[in-house]
Amino acid sequence: MFAAERRQLILEMVRANGAVSLRELARVVQTSEVTVRRDVRALEAEGLLDRRHGGAVLPGGFTRESGFPQKSHLATAEKTAIADLAAGLVEEGEAIVVGAGTTTQELARRLARVPGLTVVTNSLLVAQALAHANRVEVVMTGGTLRGSNYALVGSGAEQSLQGLRVSRAFLSGSGLTAERGLSTSNMLSASVDRALVQAAAEVVVLADHTKLGTDTMFQTVPTDVITRLVTDEPSAQDDRAATELQALADQGVQIAVAGQSGTGPGAGGEAVPAGRPQRRDMPLPGQRRTHPGGPQPLRSAVSLAEQQQQQQQARVADMRRR
C-alpha cells in the first residue's frame, strides 16, 4: 500500500471512530507502528487529525463519542485483559455498581461466575451479560434509554441511585488524564456516572492505553476520587502513556497493568500462570482523600518511605524500556 493510500485509510478510520490506537491502525493498514506514527504526524501537520497517547483523534482538542458498533471493535484484546484482571478484585457476596461501556461489558461476562454478587447498573449490555447468571442479582436503574451505548440516563437513573451504598464502582469512559481524571463526551452519561461514583466506597476505572492522555468534554471522576486504574501494557514506543501513568500514581491512584500473556510475579509475589494477565501494582505515594459522600476513605494510605518511592520509579522505568 502506498503512503497516500495508507494515510487516506487512517483518516477514514479516525473520522468514523473518533479515536483509534496506533496498534489498531497498524493492524488494519498492515504495516508497523513506526510507519503509522509517521503517517499520523504527517496528517497532523496538515490539520486533519490530532495525535494522542498511542493513537490519533479528530482535530479540535476533544474527541467525540463513538457508537457501540465502532467501539466494540477497538482494542478488543486489551479490553479482555483488563476485564480479566478487574474481575479478580470482586469478592463473593459483594455489592458493586458497573457503568456503561464495552470494557465494563467484558467485565460483566466474567462476573457471572462470582456467587452471591449484587450488581447495580445502568447498562443494558452489562445486564444482558449477567442475565443467565443464577447466583448474581442484577439491579437496573431507571431512566431514558440512550441508544448509542445502550445505557439508561437522565433524572430517572440518577434518582434511582440516591441512598445507595456499595463497596466498589467499576467505570469506563472516553478519556483519562492525571489533570482532569475520567471524562466522557456526553453530558447525560457523565451525570449518571457521577451518581454511580457517589454510591461507592471505592472507584475502579477501566481504561485501555488509547484513553490515557485523552481529554473529552465532561468530567465524570476527578483524579483524587479514583482509587485504582486497571489498564493494559503500553507499547515500548509510547513514552507518553508511561508518563501519564506516573502522573496518575503521583496523585495517589493505584495502577494495575494487565499484560496479554506470560509468567511473572503478580501482586504479593504470587506466580501468574502462563496465559493469564500479569498484574503490576504501583504503590500509592500518599494519603487518599475521603469520599465526597461520606467520611469513609476511598483507599488505605500507603507509606511514603523512600524504599517504596524507589520501587515505583523502577517500575515506571521498566515500562518505558518495554
Foldseek 3Di string as FASTA:
>chain_A
DDLVVLLVVLLVLQVQAQKAFLVVSCVVVVHDSVSVVVSQVVCVVVVQWADFQRIIGGPDQATAHHFPVSQLPGPVLFLLLLLLVVLVVDAALFEEEEEFDNSSLSNLLVVLPRANYEYEYQAPSSCVSNVPSPRYHYHYFAADADRRGRGHWDPRRLVSLPPAAGAEYEYEEQAAFLQFGGFHADPRSLVNLLSSLLRHLAYEYEDELSRYRHDHDGGRDGLLRHAEYEYEQRDLQRLVSLVRVVSSLQSFYKYWYWYQFDWDAAPPRDIDDTRHTHTDIQARQFQRDGRPNDRRRRDHHDDNDPVSVVVNVVVSVVSNND
